[in-house]
Amino acid sequence: MLKIYHNPSCQKSRQTLQLIKESGEMLTIVEYLKEIPSEDQLREILKKLGMEAEAIVRKSEAIYKDKFKGKTLTEDEWIAAMVEYPKLIERPIVVKGDKAVLGRPPENVKALL
């Protein structure tokens, strides 16, 4: 069973979702801007990605430029920021069991299929 943290307005997210659907894998879709992950859920996702929180922050977002650009935040502060401003979370993120990948490029998801 795969879980995709998805933003339907994002082309890369839609492409990744299409690859998963074509694979026939069972799938749960989480529109993370509507169903915002908790701090604990983000920590678990980051562990599965093998990444630090700042590595999945979308630095092209206006909210990043307005509130965070040039600042040094701790891991906990970045996680709290992503919960408060979920647009900061890179997308899509695909989780399967104890592993996860960023769908940038969408072909990254093939490692979980």
C-alpha atoms as a PDB file:
ATOM      1  CA  MET A   1       0.000   0.000   0.000  1.00  0.00           C
ATOM      2  CA  LEU A   2       1.362   3.370  -1.049  1.00  0.00           C
ATOM      3  CA  LYS A   3       0.469   6.722   0.451  1.00  0.00           C
ATOM      4  CA  ILE A   4       0.999   9.896  -1.546  1.00  0.00           C
ATOM      5  CA  TYR A   5       1.066  13.329   0.047  1.00  0.00           C
ATOM      6  CA  HIS A   6      -0.436  15.095  -2.934  1.00  0.00           C
ATOM      7  CA  ASN A   7      -1.234  18.580  -4.172  1.00  0.00           C
ATOM      8  CA  PRO A   8      -3.620  18.312  -7.143  1.00  0.00           C
ATOM      9  CA  SER A   9      -2.557  21.735  -8.447  1.00  0.00           C
ATOM     10  CA  CYS A  10       1.076  20.589  -8.798  1.00  0.00           C
ATOM     11  CA  GLN A  11       2.104  19.084 -12.133  1.00  0.00           C
ATOM     12  CA  LYS A  12       4.861  16.882 -10.631  1.00  0.00           C
ATOM     13  CA  SER A  13       2.434  15.608  -8.023  1.00  0.00           C
ATOM     14  CA  ARG A  14      -0.147  14.747 -10.688  1.00  0.00           C
ATOM     15  CA  GLN A  15       2.523  13.006 -12.793  1.00  0.00           C
ATOM     16  CA  THR A  16       3.693  10.959  -9.818  1.00  0.00           C
ATOM     17  CA  LEU A  17       0.113  10.009  -8.972  1.00  0.00           C
ATOM     18  CA  GLN A  18      -0.437   8.882 -12.578  1.00  0.00           C
ATOM     19  CA  LEU A  19       2.651   6.630 -12.449  1.00  0.00           C
ATOM     20  CA  ILE A  20       1.332   5.014  -9.282  1.00  0.00           C
ATOM     21  CA  LYS A  21      -2.132   4.492 -10.751  1.00  0.00           C
ATOM     22  CA  GLU A  22      -0.627   2.934 -13.885  1.00  0.00           C
ATOM     23  CA  SER A  23       1.341   0.493 -11.689  1.00  0.00           C
ATOM     24  CA  GLY A  24      -1.843  -0.898 -10.184  1.00  0.00           C
ATOM     25  CA  GLU A  25      -0.507  -0.503  -6.616  1.00  0.00           C
ATOM     26  CA  MET A  26      -3.033   0.049  -3.831  1.00  0.00           C
ATOM     27  CA  LEU A  27      -3.022   3.740  -2.968  1.00  0.00           C
ATOM     28  CA  THR A  28      -4.111   6.234  -0.349  1.00  0.00           C
ATOM     29  CA  ILE A  29      -4.128   9.883  -1.398  1.00  0.00           C
ATOM     30  CA  VAL A  30      -3.588  12.557   1.240  1.00  0.00           C
ATOM     31  CA  GLU A  31      -4.191  16.105   0.058  1.00  0.00           C
ATOM     32  CA  TYR A  32      -1.784  17.526   2.603  1.00  0.00           C
ATOM     33  CA  LEU A  33      -2.993  21.119   2.243  1.00  0.00           C
ATOM     34  CA  LYS A  34      -6.411  19.932   3.495  1.00  0.00           C
ATOM     35  CA  GLU A  35      -5.234  17.109   5.794  1.00  0.00           C
ATOM     36  CA  ILE A  36      -2.150  18.727   7.292  1.00  0.00           C
ATOM     37  CA  PRO A  37       0.325  16.213   8.717  1.00  0.00           C
ATOM     38  CA  SER A  38       1.043  16.552  12.427  1.00  0.00           C
ATOM     39  CA  GLU A  39       4.532  17.190  13.752  1.00  0.00           C
ATOM     40  CA  ASP A  40       4.814  13.490  14.654  1.00  0.00           C
ATOM     41  CA  GLN A  41       3.678  12.440  11.175  1.00  0.00           C
ATOM     42  CA  LEU A  42       6.248  14.769   9.584  1.00  0.00           C
ATOM     43  CA  ARG A  43       8.994  13.334  11.796  1.00  0.00           C
ATOM     44  CA  GLU A  44       8.017   9.820  10.687  1.00  0.00           C
ATOM     45  CA  ILE A  45       7.973  10.863   7.014  1.00  0.00           C
ATOM     46  CA  LEU A  46      11.394  12.501   7.357  1.00  0.00           C
ATOM     47  CA  LYS A  47      12.775   9.348   9.001  1.00  0.00           C
ATOM     48  CA  LYS A  48      11.488   7.263   6.086  1.00  0.00           C
ATOM     49  CA  LEU A  49      12.937   9.744   3.590  1.00  0.00           C
ATOM     50  CA  GLY A  50      16.253   9.790   5.463  1.00  0.00           C
ATOM     51  CA  MET A  51      16.225  13.588   5.288  1.00  0.00           C
ATOM     52  CA  GLU A  52      16.357  16.593   7.558  1.00  0.00           C
ATOM     53  CA  ALA A  53      13.300  18.854   7.689  1.00  0.00           C
ATOM     54  CA  GLU A  54      14.939  21.769   5.875  1.00  0.00           C
ATOM     55  CA  ALA A  55      15.640  19.483   2.895  1.00  0.00           C
ATOM     56  CA  ILE A  56      11.907  19.217   2.145  1.00  0.00           C
ATOM     57  CA  VAL A  57      11.128  22.920   2.548  1.00  0.00           C
ATOM     58  CA  ARG A  58       9.917  24.564  -0.670  1.00  0.00           C
ATOM     59  CA  LYS A  59      12.161  27.604  -0.805  1.00  0.00           C
ATOM     60  CA  SER A  60      10.373  28.990  -3.865  1.00  0.00           C
ATOM     61  CA  GLU A  61       7.150  29.579  -1.897  1.00  0.00           C
ATOM     62  CA  ALA A  62       6.229  33.162  -1.030  1.00  0.00           C
ATOM     63  CA  ILE A  63       5.723  32.219   2.628  1.00  0.00           C
ATOM     64  CA  TYR A  64       9.312  30.963   2.781  1.00  0.00           C
ATOM     65  CA  LYS A  65      10.653  34.166   1.226  1.00  0.00           C
ATOM     66  CA  ASP A  66       8.528  36.345   3.527  1.00  0.00           C
ATOM     67  CA  LYS A  67       9.093  34.563   6.829  1.00  0.00           C
ATOM     68  CA  PHE A  68      12.070  32.205   6.660  1.00  0.00           C
ATOM     69  CA  LYS A  69      14.604  33.198   4.007  1.00  0.00           C
ATOM     70  CA  GLY A  70      18.021  33.766   5.535  1.00  0.00           C
ATOM     71  CA  LYS A  71      17.021  32.350   8.920  1.00  0.00           C
ATOM     72  CA  THR A  72      18.577  29.367  10.647  1.00  0.00           C
ATOM     73  CA  LEU A  73      15.954  27.147  12.238  1.00  0.00           C
ATOM     74  CA  THR A  74      16.289  23.970  14.261  1.00  0.00           C
ATOM     75  CA  GLU A  75      14.788  20.683  13.103  1.00  0.00           C
ATOM     76  CA  ASP A  76      11.837  21.167  15.470  1.00  0.00           C
ATOM     77  CA  GLU A  77      11.305  24.745  14.266  1.00  0.00           C
ATOM     78  CA  TRP A  78      11.240  23.665  10.590  1.00  0.00           C
ATOM     79  CA  ILE A  79       8.760  20.909  11.391  1.00  0.00           C
ATOM     80  CA  ALA A  80       6.539  23.346  13.306  1.00  0.00           C
ATOM     81  CA  ALA A  81       6.763  25.801  10.387  1.00  0.00           C
ATOM     82  CA  MET A  82       5.622  23.133   7.914  1.00  0.00           C
ATOM     83  CA  VAL A  83       2.656  22.251  10.115  1.00  0.00           C
ATOM     84  CA  GLU A  84       1.692  25.925  10.369  1.00  0.00           C
ATOM     85  CA  TYR A  85       2.367  26.584   6.668  1.00  0.00           C
ATOM     86  CA  PRO A  86       1.890  23.271   4.822  1.00  0.00           C
ATOM     87  CA  LYS A  87       2.645  24.926   1.463  1.00  0.00           C
ATOM     88  CA  LEU A  88       6.270  24.750   2.615  1.00  0.00           C
ATOM     89  CA  ILE A  89       6.237  20.939   2.332  1.00  0.00           C
ATOM     90  CA  GLU A  90       7.876  19.640  -0.845  1.00  0.00           C
ATOM     91  CA  ARG A  91       5.575  17.531  -2.938  1.00  0.00           C
ATOM     92  CA  PRO A  92       4.747  14.905  -3.667  1.00  0.00           C
ATOM     93  CA  ILE A  93       6.003  12.546  -0.998  1.00  0.00           C
ATOM     94  CA  VAL A  94       5.251   8.861  -1.487  1.00  0.00           C
ATOM     95  CA  VAL A  95       5.461   6.406   1.416  1.00  0.00           C
ATOM     96  CA  LYS A  96       5.480   2.615   1.354  1.00  0.00           C
ATOM     97  CA  GLY A  97       6.142   0.765   4.585  1.00  0.00           C
ATOM     98  CA  ASP A  98       9.335   2.079   6.154  1.00  0.00           C
ATOM     99  CA  LYS A  99      10.533   3.870   2.992  1.00  0.00           C
ATOM    100  CA  ALA A 100       9.595   7.109   1.273  1.00  0.00           C
ATOM    101  CA  VAL A 101      10.668   9.133  -1.758  1.00  0.00           C
ATOM    102  CA  LEU A 102      10.124  12.614  -3.092  1.00  0.00           C
ATOM    103  CA  GLY A 103       8.365  12.538  -6.441  1.00  0.00           C
ATOM    104  CA  ARG A 104      10.790  15.017  -7.955  1.00  0.00           C
ATOM    105  CA  PRO A 105      11.288  13.781 -10.571  1.00  0.00           C
ATOM    106  CA  PRO A 106       8.136  11.635 -10.694  1.00  0.00           C
ATOM    107  CA  GLU A 107      10.206   8.619 -11.755  1.00  0.00           C
ATOM    108  CA  ASN A 108      11.629   8.464  -8.201  1.00  0.00           C
ATOM    109  CA  VAL A 109       8.424   6.669  -7.217  1.00  0.00           C
ATOM    110  CA  LYS A 110       9.471   3.637  -9.266  1.00  0.00           C
ATOM    111  CA  ALA A 111      11.831   2.706  -6.420  1.00  0.00           C
ATOM    112  CA  LEU A 112       8.717   1.908  -4.329  1.00  0.00           C
ATOM    113  CA  LEU A 113       6.683   0.111  -7.007  1.00  0.00           C
END
